[in-house]
Amino acid sequence: MTAWWERHQAVVLLLGAALGAAVGLLAPAAAPALEAATTPVLVLLLCATFLGVPLGGLPRALRDGRFLLAVLGLSFLVAPLVVLVLTRLVADDEGLLVGVALVLLAPCVDYVVAFTRLAGGNAVRLLAATPVLMVLQVLFLPLLLSLVGGSAAAAIDPAPFLQALGLLVLLPLAFAGAVQLAAHATPLVAGVPRAAERLLVPLTALTIAVVVGAQLPAVGAEAASLVRLVPLYVVFAAVMVAAGLLLSRSLALGPRRARAVALSGATRNSLVVLPLALALPPTLGLAPLAVVTQTVVELVVLVVLVRLLPRLAPLRSARSDGDVVGGDAA
């Protein structure tokens, strides 16, 4: 079974999305329960993801200046320019404008690591960069949002970002570190990382199902207003992937780091910025739904990228660029 879902991981992930969509459309009353389950399921997914990442390589990964330059430049220089252009298409509706700007300006720091591993990207490098990405978006998001989306920047509260950093990054990281240390000393624990590795695909599919099922009913209620955002979000992801691959090539990063850079650029921090959107004034009522729409579209795009990126950034040889979890050669 493990071999089957690893071979057909795109199908498994799409089935997860289809299951979530079916529940969201046919049983919208289940949305509150699924929303409450989103954070625990996400924490479980990240624990499994981090267990498969050799955490001993994090200090070296944090010293990879070219990779950090690519990731930070993509999210804080390229992304704002792309967002500035794309948001002109929804400038007639302030709620949509603010929601789109808010979600697209914030780089993801959680499940992007899981999808990076599924795509054969360098999860170690990206995991090392996540605290930096989180801190910088807390500092720069109000400024960037004021430039792109107007006065909503005044409502930005750093608390959800800090809570997400602790719950979705530091807690799973500490758990995975403790298990990896114990695995060296206790044979009973040694099999836990391998078991987590085998469960990564179904756990990712479960996370997709829960998130889509929780968010889709709200989107469906305003589908006529939100459908115009779907091509906008797809274009954003496509442009960021292309920019990430080009930037990686210009910096002579290997294919595994290039995949991680591209996914970091395309994936946004929607689950963290949603509370910020919900706290906006009622006159911006479509902003949270714009964030939710991006989540649903992004998950489908990520399933496609898991299969597509290995073709766009292929390995030069069986040993080139390091192994799947260990990452690229420096």
Protein backbone atom coordinates (compact mmCIF):
# COMPACT_ATOMS: atom_id res chain seq x y z
CA MET A 1 0.00 0.00 0.00
CA THR A 2 2.84 2.39 0.88
CA ALA A 3 4.55 1.75 -2.44
CA TRP A 4 1.27 2.30 -4.30
CA TRP A 5 0.45 5.69 -2.82
CA GLU A 6 4.02 6.89 -3.21
CA ARG A 7 3.88 5.90 -6.88
CA HIS A 8 0.44 7.50 -7.35
CA GLN A 9 0.76 10.34 -4.85
CA ALA A 10 -0.85 12.90 -7.18
CA VAL A 11 -3.93 10.68 -7.50
CA VAL A 12 -4.09 10.21 -3.72
CA LEU A 13 -3.81 13.96 -3.10
CA LEU A 14 -6.46 14.73 -5.73
CA LEU A 15 -8.75 12.15 -4.09
CA GLY A 16 -8.23 14.00 -0.82
CA ALA A 17 -9.23 17.27 -2.48
CA ALA A 18 -12.26 15.60 -4.11
CA LEU A 19 -13.34 14.10 -0.78
CA GLY A 20 -13.05 17.48 0.94
CA ALA A 21 -15.01 19.15 -1.86
CA ALA A 22 -17.74 16.52 -1.66
CA VAL A 23 -18.10 16.96 2.10
CA GLY A 24 -18.03 20.75 1.79
CA LEU A 25 -20.73 20.80 -0.89
CA LEU A 26 -22.96 17.95 0.34
CA ALA A 27 -22.59 18.40 4.11
CA PRO A 28 -21.82 22.08 4.75
CA ALA A 29 -22.91 21.66 8.39
CA ALA A 30 -19.69 19.71 8.94
CA ALA A 31 -17.57 22.78 8.16
CA PRO A 32 -17.21 24.03 11.78
CA ALA A 33 -15.98 20.62 12.96
CA LEU A 34 -13.55 20.38 10.06
CA GLU A 35 -12.32 23.90 10.75
CA ALA A 36 -11.66 22.95 14.37
CA ALA A 37 -9.75 19.88 13.15
CA THR A 38 -7.57 21.87 10.72
CA THR A 39 -4.84 22.90 13.16
CA PRO A 40 -4.45 19.46 14.84
CA VAL A 41 -4.29 17.72 11.45
CA LEU A 42 -1.78 20.27 10.20
CA VAL A 43 0.39 19.81 13.30
CA LEU A 44 0.28 16.03 12.77
CA LEU A 45 1.30 16.44 9.13
CA LEU A 46 4.20 18.71 10.07
CA CYS A 47 5.39 16.32 12.79
CA ALA A 48 5.50 13.53 10.19
CA THR A 49 7.23 15.84 7.72
CA PHE A 50 9.90 17.02 10.14
CA LEU A 51 10.55 13.45 11.34
CA GLY A 52 11.74 12.64 7.84
CA VAL A 53 14.01 15.68 7.65
CA PRO A 54 17.56 15.20 9.03
CA LEU A 55 17.46 18.05 11.52
CA GLY A 56 21.19 17.83 12.13
CA GLY A 57 21.60 19.52 8.75
CA LEU A 58 19.68 22.66 9.75
CA PRO A 59 22.69 24.73 10.92
CA ARG A 60 24.49 24.10 7.64
CA ALA A 61 21.29 24.82 5.71
CA LEU A 62 20.90 28.18 7.45
CA ARG A 63 24.37 29.13 6.17
CA ASP A 64 23.31 28.55 2.56
CA GLY A 65 23.33 32.22 1.55
CA ARG A 66 22.42 31.70 -2.09
CA PHE A 67 19.34 29.66 -1.20
CA LEU A 68 18.19 32.22 1.39
CA LEU A 69 18.76 35.01 -1.12
CA ALA A 70 16.57 33.20 -3.67
CA VAL A 71 13.75 32.45 -1.20
CA LEU A 72 13.70 35.92 0.37
CA GLY A 73 14.11 37.76 -2.92
CA LEU A 74 11.27 35.78 -4.46
CA SER A 75 8.82 36.45 -1.63
CA PHE A 76 9.72 40.02 -0.72
CA LEU A 77 10.82 41.53 -4.04
CA VAL A 78 9.26 39.53 -6.86
CA ALA A 79 5.95 38.62 -5.19
CA PRO A 80 4.98 42.24 -4.31
CA LEU A 81 5.52 43.30 -7.93
CA VAL A 82 3.39 40.40 -9.20
CA VAL A 83 0.70 41.15 -6.61
CA LEU A 84 0.69 44.83 -7.53
CA VAL A 85 -0.08 43.93 -11.15
CA LEU A 86 -2.64 41.20 -10.42
CA THR A 87 -4.61 43.18 -7.84
CA ARG A 88 -5.37 45.84 -10.47
CA LEU A 89 -7.82 43.26 -11.86
CA VAL A 90 -9.90 43.42 -8.65
CA ALA A 91 -9.31 47.08 -7.77
CA ASP A 92 -13.05 47.75 -8.27
CA ASP A 93 -13.87 45.78 -5.07
CA GLU A 94 -11.93 46.83 -1.97
CA GLY A 95 -12.76 43.63 -0.08
CA LEU A 96 -11.37 41.43 -2.84
CA LEU A 97 -8.40 43.75 -3.30
CA VAL A 98 -7.41 43.59 0.36
CA GLY A 99 -8.01 39.84 0.66
CA VAL A 100 -5.96 39.00 -2.44
CA ALA A 101 -3.12 41.31 -1.41
CA LEU A 102 -3.09 40.01 2.16
CA VAL A 103 -2.81 36.34 1.23
CA LEU A 104 -0.45 36.67 -1.73
CA LEU A 105 2.04 38.85 0.14
CA ALA A 106 2.59 36.30 2.93
CA PRO A 107 4.89 33.31 2.15
CA CYS A 108 3.93 29.93 3.60
CA VAL A 109 5.92 28.45 6.48
CA ASP A 110 4.05 25.23 7.24
CA TYR A 111 2.71 22.67 4.76
CA VAL A 112 5.01 23.94 2.01
CA VAL A 113 7.72 21.82 3.66
CA ALA A 114 5.56 18.69 3.26
CA PHE A 115 4.88 19.40 -0.42
CA THR A 116 8.57 20.14 -0.96
CA ARG A 117 9.43 16.67 0.31
CA LEU A 118 6.76 15.11 -1.90
CA ALA A 119 8.22 16.94 -4.91
CA GLY A 120 11.75 15.76 -4.08
CA GLY A 121 12.85 19.27 -3.13
CA ASN A 122 15.29 20.31 -0.45
CA ALA A 123 13.13 20.28 2.67
CA VAL A 124 16.09 20.88 4.99
CA ARG A 125 16.99 24.20 3.37
CA LEU A 126 13.37 25.35 3.28
CA LEU A 127 12.71 24.32 6.87
CA ALA A 128 15.77 26.30 7.99
CA ALA A 129 14.39 29.36 6.17
CA THR A 130 10.89 29.23 7.70
CA PRO A 131 11.62 31.26 10.89
CA VAL A 132 13.29 33.93 8.74
CA LEU A 133 10.30 34.02 6.40
CA MET A 134 7.89 34.32 9.33
CA VAL A 135 9.75 37.16 11.06
CA LEU A 136 10.22 39.15 7.85
CA GLN A 137 6.58 38.89 6.84
CA VAL A 138 5.50 40.14 10.26
CA LEU A 139 7.80 43.15 9.75
CA PHE A 140 7.09 43.86 6.08
CA LEU A 141 3.46 42.81 5.56
CA PRO A 142 1.93 46.05 6.89
CA LEU A 143 4.17 48.13 4.63
CA LEU A 144 3.60 45.96 1.54
CA LEU A 145 -0.14 45.79 2.18
CA SER A 146 -0.35 49.57 2.51
CA LEU A 147 1.39 49.92 -0.86
CA VAL A 148 -0.84 47.39 -2.60
CA GLY A 149 -4.09 47.19 -0.66
CA GLY A 150 -4.54 50.50 1.08
CA SER A 151 -5.62 51.25 4.64
CA ALA A 152 -6.16 47.65 5.80
CA ALA A 153 -2.52 47.51 6.93
CA ALA A 154 -3.53 49.28 10.14
CA ALA A 155 -5.48 46.18 11.19
CA ILE A 156 -2.51 43.79 10.98
CA ASP A 157 -1.83 42.07 14.29
CA PRO A 158 1.43 40.09 14.67
CA ALA A 159 -0.10 37.70 17.25
CA PRO A 160 -1.46 35.11 14.73
CA PHE A 161 1.95 34.96 13.05
CA LEU A 162 3.74 34.36 16.35
CA GLN A 163 1.16 31.74 17.40
CA ALA A 164 1.59 29.96 14.06
CA LEU A 165 5.37 30.03 14.41
CA GLY A 166 5.14 28.34 17.80
CA LEU A 167 2.36 25.85 17.04
CA LEU A 168 3.05 24.95 13.41
CA VAL A 169 6.86 25.20 13.27
CA LEU A 170 8.58 25.14 16.66
CA LEU A 171 6.35 22.52 18.34
CA PRO A 172 6.60 19.90 15.52
CA LEU A 173 10.29 20.74 15.17
CA ALA A 174 10.93 20.09 18.86
CA PHE A 175 8.95 16.83 18.71
CA ALA A 176 10.81 15.61 15.65
CA GLY A 177 14.17 16.57 17.17
CA ALA A 178 13.42 14.66 20.37
CA VAL A 179 12.33 11.57 18.44
CA GLN A 180 15.40 11.66 16.18
CA LEU A 181 17.69 11.94 19.20
CA ALA A 182 15.91 9.06 20.95
CA ALA A 183 16.07 6.94 17.79
CA HIS A 184 19.87 6.83 18.02
CA ALA A 185 19.70 5.40 21.53
CA THR A 186 16.50 3.35 21.61
CA PRO A 187 15.74 0.65 19.02
CA LEU A 188 12.01 0.92 19.76
CA VAL A 189 12.01 4.55 18.58
CA ALA A 190 14.26 3.97 15.57
CA GLY A 191 11.33 2.92 13.39
CA VAL A 192 9.20 6.01 14.10
CA PRO A 193 10.80 8.29 11.44
CA ARG A 194 10.45 5.54 8.83
CA ALA A 195 6.79 5.01 9.76
CA ALA A 196 6.18 8.76 9.50
CA GLU A 197 7.82 8.74 6.06
CA ARG A 198 5.39 6.07 4.89
CA LEU A 199 2.39 8.02 6.20
CA LEU A 200 3.35 11.36 4.64
CA VAL A 201 1.22 10.98 1.47
CA PRO A 202 -2.03 9.90 3.20
CA LEU A 203 -1.54 12.52 5.93
CA THR A 204 -1.13 15.19 3.26
CA ALA A 205 -4.28 13.93 1.52
CA LEU A 206 -6.14 14.03 4.85
CA THR A 207 -4.99 17.60 5.47
CA ILE A 208 -6.15 18.67 2.02
CA ALA A 209 -9.54 17.00 2.58
CA VAL A 210 -10.03 18.70 5.95
CA VAL A 211 -9.00 22.17 4.74
CA VAL A 212 -11.08 22.02 1.56
CA GLY A 213 -14.10 20.59 3.39
CA ALA A 214 -13.87 23.30 6.04
CA GLN A 215 -13.49 26.24 3.66
CA LEU A 216 -15.53 25.35 0.57
CA PRO A 217 -19.01 26.07 1.99
CA ALA A 218 -18.05 29.69 2.70
CA VAL A 219 -16.66 30.07 -0.81
CA GLY A 220 -19.77 28.53 -2.36
CA ALA A 221 -22.01 31.13 -0.74
CA GLU A 222 -20.24 33.92 -2.68
CA ALA A 223 -19.16 31.90 -5.72
CA ALA A 224 -20.35 34.50 -8.22
CA SER A 225 -18.08 37.15 -6.70
CA LEU A 226 -15.12 34.87 -6.05
CA VAL A 227 -14.88 32.90 -9.29
CA ARG A 228 -12.93 35.76 -10.89
CA LEU A 229 -10.13 35.12 -8.40
CA VAL A 230 -9.41 31.56 -9.56
CA PRO A 231 -7.44 32.46 -12.73
CA LEU A 232 -5.68 35.23 -10.82
CA TYR A 233 -4.40 32.77 -8.21
CA VAL A 234 -3.37 30.24 -10.85
CA VAL A 235 -1.44 32.93 -12.75
CA PHE A 236 0.29 34.02 -9.54
CA ALA A 237 1.44 30.45 -8.83
CA ALA A 238 2.64 29.96 -12.41
CA VAL A 239 4.59 33.22 -12.45
CA MET A 240 6.18 32.54 -9.07
CA VAL A 241 7.24 29.01 -10.05
CA ALA A 242 8.80 30.32 -13.26
CA ALA A 243 10.52 33.16 -11.40
CA GLY A 244 11.75 30.75 -8.73
CA LEU A 245 13.28 28.39 -11.28
CA LEU A 246 14.91 31.24 -13.20
CA LEU A 247 16.29 32.80 -10.02
CA SER A 248 17.60 29.42 -8.87
CA ARG A 249 19.34 28.92 -12.19
CA SER A 250 20.92 32.38 -12.06
CA LEU A 251 22.27 31.61 -8.58
CA ALA A 252 23.51 28.17 -9.69
CA LEU A 253 21.31 26.31 -7.22
CA GLY A 254 20.83 22.60 -7.87
CA PRO A 255 17.49 21.06 -8.88
CA ARG A 256 16.40 20.10 -5.37
CA ARG A 257 16.96 23.60 -4.04
CA ALA A 258 15.30 25.01 -7.17
CA ARG A 259 12.16 22.96 -6.47
CA ALA A 260 12.10 24.24 -2.88
CA VAL A 261 12.50 27.85 -4.02
CA ALA A 262 9.72 27.51 -6.60
CA LEU A 263 7.31 25.97 -4.07
CA SER A 264 8.16 28.61 -1.48
CA GLY A 265 7.30 31.31 -3.99
CA ALA A 266 4.03 29.72 -5.10
CA THR A 267 2.72 28.73 -1.65
CA ARG A 268 1.16 31.35 0.59
CA ASN A 269 0.43 31.62 4.32
CA SER A 270 -3.35 31.48 3.94
CA LEU A 271 -4.18 29.58 7.14
CA VAL A 272 -2.21 32.13 9.18
CA VAL A 273 -3.51 35.30 7.54
CA LEU A 274 -7.15 34.15 7.60
CA PRO A 275 -7.64 35.36 11.22
CA LEU A 276 -6.29 38.75 10.12
CA ALA A 277 -8.81 38.88 7.29
CA LEU A 278 -11.64 37.90 9.63
CA ALA A 279 -10.73 40.80 11.92
CA LEU A 280 -11.16 43.39 9.14
CA PRO A 281 -14.18 45.74 9.14
CA PRO A 282 -17.53 44.43 7.76
CA THR A 283 -17.15 46.70 4.73
CA LEU A 284 -14.31 44.38 3.66
CA GLY A 285 -16.45 41.27 4.10
CA LEU A 286 -15.17 39.55 0.95
CA ALA A 287 -11.55 39.68 2.12
CA PRO A 288 -11.69 36.48 4.25
CA LEU A 289 -13.45 34.64 1.42
CA ALA A 290 -10.73 35.78 -0.98
CA VAL A 291 -8.19 34.19 1.38
CA VAL A 292 -10.21 30.98 1.62
CA THR A 293 -10.55 30.81 -2.18
CA GLN A 294 -6.77 31.06 -2.49
CA THR A 295 -6.37 28.12 -0.07
CA VAL A 296 -8.62 25.87 -2.13
CA VAL A 297 -7.01 26.84 -5.45
CA GLU A 298 -3.50 26.56 -4.02
CA LEU A 299 -3.97 23.01 -2.75
CA VAL A 300 -5.00 21.83 -6.21
CA VAL A 301 -2.06 23.71 -7.76
CA LEU A 302 0.34 22.10 -5.27
CA VAL A 303 -0.86 18.63 -6.21
CA VAL A 304 -0.02 19.44 -9.83
CA LEU A 305 3.38 20.91 -8.89
CA VAL A 306 4.35 17.77 -6.96
CA ARG A 307 4.33 15.95 -10.31
CA LEU A 308 5.43 18.83 -12.53
CA LEU A 309 8.45 20.25 -10.70
CA PRO A 310 10.62 17.11 -10.97
CA ARG A 311 10.24 17.47 -14.76
CA LEU A 312 10.94 21.20 -14.75
CA ALA A 313 13.98 20.81 -12.47
CA PRO A 314 15.23 17.26 -13.12
CA LEU A 315 18.20 15.71 -11.36
CA ARG A 316 21.31 15.58 -13.50
CA SER A 317 22.25 12.14 -12.18
CA ALA A 318 21.18 9.66 -9.53
CA ARG A 319 23.56 11.26 -7.01
CA SER A 320 23.40 14.85 -8.16
CA ASP A 321 22.44 17.56 -5.75
CA GLY A 322 22.29 15.37 -2.67
CA ASP A 323 19.55 13.00 -1.60
CA VAL A 324 15.81 13.69 -1.37
CA VAL A 325 15.65 14.64 2.29
CA GLY A 326 19.21 15.69 2.86
CA GLY A 327 19.11 18.12 0.02
CA ASP A 328 21.50 19.67 -2.38
CA ALA A 329 25.19 19.78 -2.19
CA ALA A 330 26.28 23.17 -0.92
